[in-house]
């Protein structure tokens, strides 16, 4: 289980939405079957990409209403961007 990350919008970069024409790492939920499949496909990348911009493992970004955490090449949804309105 992944504990929910509590951050405010000013603490993390707001990257907006993924542009499908640019390089992006996949986004998944921790513990889902899809995530397990993606971990087999994306074998321990040192960075995640969001619209061509690389982020190191462990980096946290805001995308729309979600907080995403880079986990070895996969963006894992880590909680709502606004903890007052989940």
Protein backbone atom coordinates (compact mmCIF):
# COMPACT_ATOMS: atom_id res chain seq x y z
CA UNK A 1 0.00 0.00 0.00
CA UNK A 2 1.16 3.49 -0.80
CA UNK A 3 0.41 6.15 1.79
CA UNK A 4 -1.34 9.19 0.39
CA UNK A 5 1.06 12.04 -0.25
CA UNK A 6 -0.14 15.32 1.20
CA UNK A 7 1.10 18.33 -0.74
CA UNK A 8 -0.23 21.65 -1.86
CA UNK A 9 -0.13 22.90 -5.42
CA UNK A 10 2.67 25.34 -4.61
CA UNK A 11 5.01 22.55 -3.45
CA UNK A 12 5.02 20.54 -6.67
CA UNK A 13 5.19 21.49 -10.34
CA UNK A 14 1.83 21.67 -12.10
CA UNK A 15 2.49 19.83 -15.36
CA UNK A 16 -1.04 19.97 -16.76
CA UNK A 17 -2.31 17.17 -18.98
CA UNK A 18 -0.20 14.74 -20.97
CA UNK A 19 0.18 15.63 -24.64
CA UNK A 20 -0.12 12.36 -26.57
CA UNK A 21 2.24 13.66 -29.27
CA UNK A 22 5.09 13.99 -26.75
CA UNK A 23 7.07 11.41 -24.77
CA UNK A 24 5.18 10.39 -21.62
CA UNK A 25 5.56 7.59 -19.12
CA UNK A 26 2.40 5.58 -18.36
CA UNK A 27 0.12 6.53 -15.44
CA UNK A 28 -1.29 3.77 -13.22
CA UNK A 29 -2.76 3.01 -9.79
CA UNK A 30 -0.56 1.29 -7.20
CA UNK A 31 -1.48 -2.37 -6.82
CA UNK A 32 -3.70 -2.68 -9.90
CA UNK A 33 -3.26 -5.52 -12.40
CA UNK A 34 -2.44 -2.94 -15.08
CA UNK A 35 0.38 -1.57 -12.92
CA UNK A 36 1.84 -5.04 -12.45
CA UNK A 37 1.79 -5.53 -16.23
CA UNK A 38 3.41 -2.11 -16.80
CA UNK A 39 6.20 -2.96 -14.33
CA UNK A 40 7.08 -5.93 -16.54
CA UNK A 41 7.08 -3.69 -19.64
CA UNK A 42 8.93 -0.73 -18.06
CA UNK A 43 11.85 -2.36 -16.30
CA UNK A 44 13.22 0.05 -13.74
CA UNK A 45 13.63 3.24 -15.73
CA UNK A 46 15.58 5.88 -13.77
CA UNK A 47 13.17 8.66 -14.81
CA UNK A 48 9.56 9.30 -15.77
CA UNK A 49 8.67 11.54 -18.69
CA UNK A 50 5.84 14.06 -18.77
CA UNK A 51 5.48 15.94 -22.07
CA UNK A 52 9.16 15.34 -22.92
CA UNK A 53 10.36 16.59 -19.50
CA UNK A 54 12.26 13.99 -17.43
CA UNK A 55 11.60 13.62 -13.69
CA UNK A 56 13.77 11.50 -11.39
CA UNK A 57 12.47 8.46 -9.51
CA UNK A 58 10.53 9.74 -6.48
CA UNK A 59 9.59 13.09 -8.05
CA UNK A 60 6.03 14.31 -7.41
CA UNK A 61 3.98 16.40 -9.86
CA UNK A 62 0.44 17.74 -10.11
CA UNK A 63 -1.56 16.78 -13.19
CA UNK A 64 -5.11 18.10 -13.23
CA UNK A 65 -6.79 16.90 -10.05
CA UNK A 66 -4.18 14.24 -9.23
CA UNK A 67 -0.76 14.05 -7.62
CA UNK A 68 1.54 11.66 -9.48
CA UNK A 69 4.74 10.07 -8.14
CA UNK A 70 7.49 8.78 -10.43
CA UNK A 71 8.19 5.14 -9.60
CA UNK A 72 10.92 3.68 -11.83
CA UNK A 73 9.45 4.91 -15.12
CA UNK A 74 5.75 4.72 -14.22
CA UNK A 75 3.63 7.57 -12.86
CA UNK A 76 1.68 6.26 -9.86
CA UNK A 77 -1.42 8.19 -8.78
CA UNK A 78 -0.57 9.21 -5.23
CA UNK A 79 -3.72 11.10 -4.25
CA UNK A 80 -5.83 14.13 -5.00
CA UNK A 81 -4.16 17.45 -5.78
CA UNK A 82 -6.59 19.18 -3.44
CA UNK A 83 -6.85 17.29 -0.15
CA UNK A 84 -9.90 19.41 0.80
CA UNK A 85 -11.77 18.22 -2.32
CA UNK A 86 -10.69 14.61 -3.04
